[in-house]
Protein backbone atom coordinates (compact mmCIF):
# COMPACT_ATOMS: atom_id res chain seq x y z
CA UNK A 1 -1.17 -4.01 5.68
CA UNK A 2 1.40 -1.98 3.85
CA UNK A 3 3.09 -2.28 0.47
CA UNK A 4 6.87 -1.88 0.73
CA UNK A 5 8.76 -0.34 -2.20
CA UNK A 6 12.49 0.27 -2.44
CA UNK A 7 15.30 0.63 -4.96
CA UNK A 8 17.53 -2.42 -4.36
CA UNK A 9 21.25 -2.60 -4.97
CA UNK A 10 22.63 -5.10 -7.47
CA UNK A 11 24.12 -6.94 -4.49
CA UNK A 12 20.70 -7.30 -2.83
CA UNK A 13 19.18 -8.65 -6.06
CA UNK A 14 21.99 -11.19 -6.45
CA UNK A 15 21.68 -12.31 -2.82
CA UNK A 16 17.95 -13.04 -3.37
CA UNK A 17 18.72 -14.76 -6.71
CA UNK A 18 16.04 -12.57 -8.34
CA UNK A 19 17.16 -13.27 -11.93
CA UNK A 20 16.12 -16.92 -11.46
CA UNK A 21 12.59 -16.07 -10.24
CA UNK A 22 9.72 -16.57 -12.73
CA UNK A 23 8.60 -13.61 -14.85
CA UNK A 24 5.06 -12.22 -14.98
CA UNK A 25 3.84 -9.81 -17.65
CA UNK A 26 0.73 -7.67 -17.95
CA UNK A 27 -0.51 -5.27 -20.61
CA UNK A 28 -2.05 -1.87 -19.86
CA UNK A 29 -5.20 -2.60 -17.84
CA UNK A 30 -7.04 -2.24 -14.52
CA UNK A 31 -8.00 -5.13 -12.25
CA UNK A 32 -8.80 -6.02 -8.64
CA UNK A 33 -6.43 -8.40 -6.85
CA UNK A 34 -6.08 -10.16 -3.51
CA UNK A 35 -2.80 -11.70 -2.36
CA UNK A 36 -3.25 -15.19 -0.92
CA UNK A 37 0.51 -15.41 -0.25
CA UNK A 38 3.26 -12.90 0.49
CA UNK A 39 4.85 -11.75 -2.77
CA UNK A 40 8.20 -10.14 -3.48
CA UNK A 41 8.85 -8.80 -6.96
CA UNK A 42 11.33 -6.77 -8.97
CA UNK A 43 10.03 -4.61 -11.82
CA UNK A 44 12.06 -4.98 -15.02
CA UNK A 45 9.75 -2.62 -16.89
CA UNK A 46 6.42 -0.87 -16.57
CA UNK A 47 4.56 1.65 -14.46
CA UNK A 48 1.58 0.97 -12.20
CA UNK A 49 -0.43 2.43 -9.36
CA UNK A 50 -1.66 -0.01 -6.72
CA UNK A 51 -4.62 1.30 -4.70
CA UNK A 52 -5.68 -0.12 -1.32
CA UNK A 53 -8.19 1.19 1.20
CA UNK A 54 -5.26 2.83 3.04
CA UNK A 55 -2.80 4.01 0.37
CA UNK A 56 -1.91 4.53 -3.29
CA UNK A 57 1.53 3.34 -4.33
CA UNK A 58 3.30 4.14 -7.60
CA UNK A 59 5.63 1.39 -8.81
CA UNK A 60 7.99 1.47 -11.78
CA UNK A 61 11.03 -0.09 -13.42
CA UNK A 62 13.80 -0.77 -10.89
CA UNK A 63 11.50 -1.05 -7.87
CA UNK A 64 11.58 -4.01 -5.47
CA UNK A 65 8.14 -4.49 -3.93
CA UNK A 66 6.71 -6.59 -1.10
CA UNK A 67 2.97 -7.29 -1.03
CA UNK A 68 1.66 -8.88 2.20
CA UNK A 69 -0.65 -11.91 2.28
CA UNK A 70 -4.29 -10.86 2.55
CA UNK A 71 -3.82 -7.48 0.84
CA UNK A 72 -6.79 -6.46 -1.31
CA UNK A 73 -6.04 -3.87 -3.97
CA UNK A 74 -6.67 -2.50 -7.42
CA UNK A 75 -3.91 -2.46 -10.03
CA UNK A 76 -3.90 0.35 -12.57
CA UNK A 77 -1.29 -0.54 -15.21
CA UNK A 78 -0.12 2.54 -17.15
CA UNK A 79 2.77 0.89 -19.02
CA UNK A 80 3.25 -2.81 -19.78
CA UNK A 81 4.66 -4.63 -16.75
CA UNK A 82 7.40 -7.24 -16.77
CA UNK A 83 8.57 -8.39 -13.33
CA UNK A 84 10.35 -11.18 -11.54
CA UNK A 85 8.28 -12.52 -8.65
CA UNK A 86 8.54 -14.88 -5.69
CA UNK A 87 5.60 -16.17 -3.62
CA UNK A 88 5.60 -17.34 -0.03
């Protein structure tokens, strides 16, 4: 299972209707997480490292990220996160 990170174009964001997705926020913290659904998200602000048993991924403002269902990981939040997200 791999985390996908990319810098999307404005056109890609509009096509996905990202601005109408719900927003999730998180303060500086560390926590374990398991995805019970696929998640796509777009980081409006923040900086995190997501650690799995196979990789460490740095994510920051402007990144579009896909987390696969079943992924177990640890989030290390360095700067407050604000992101749009979509499950399923």
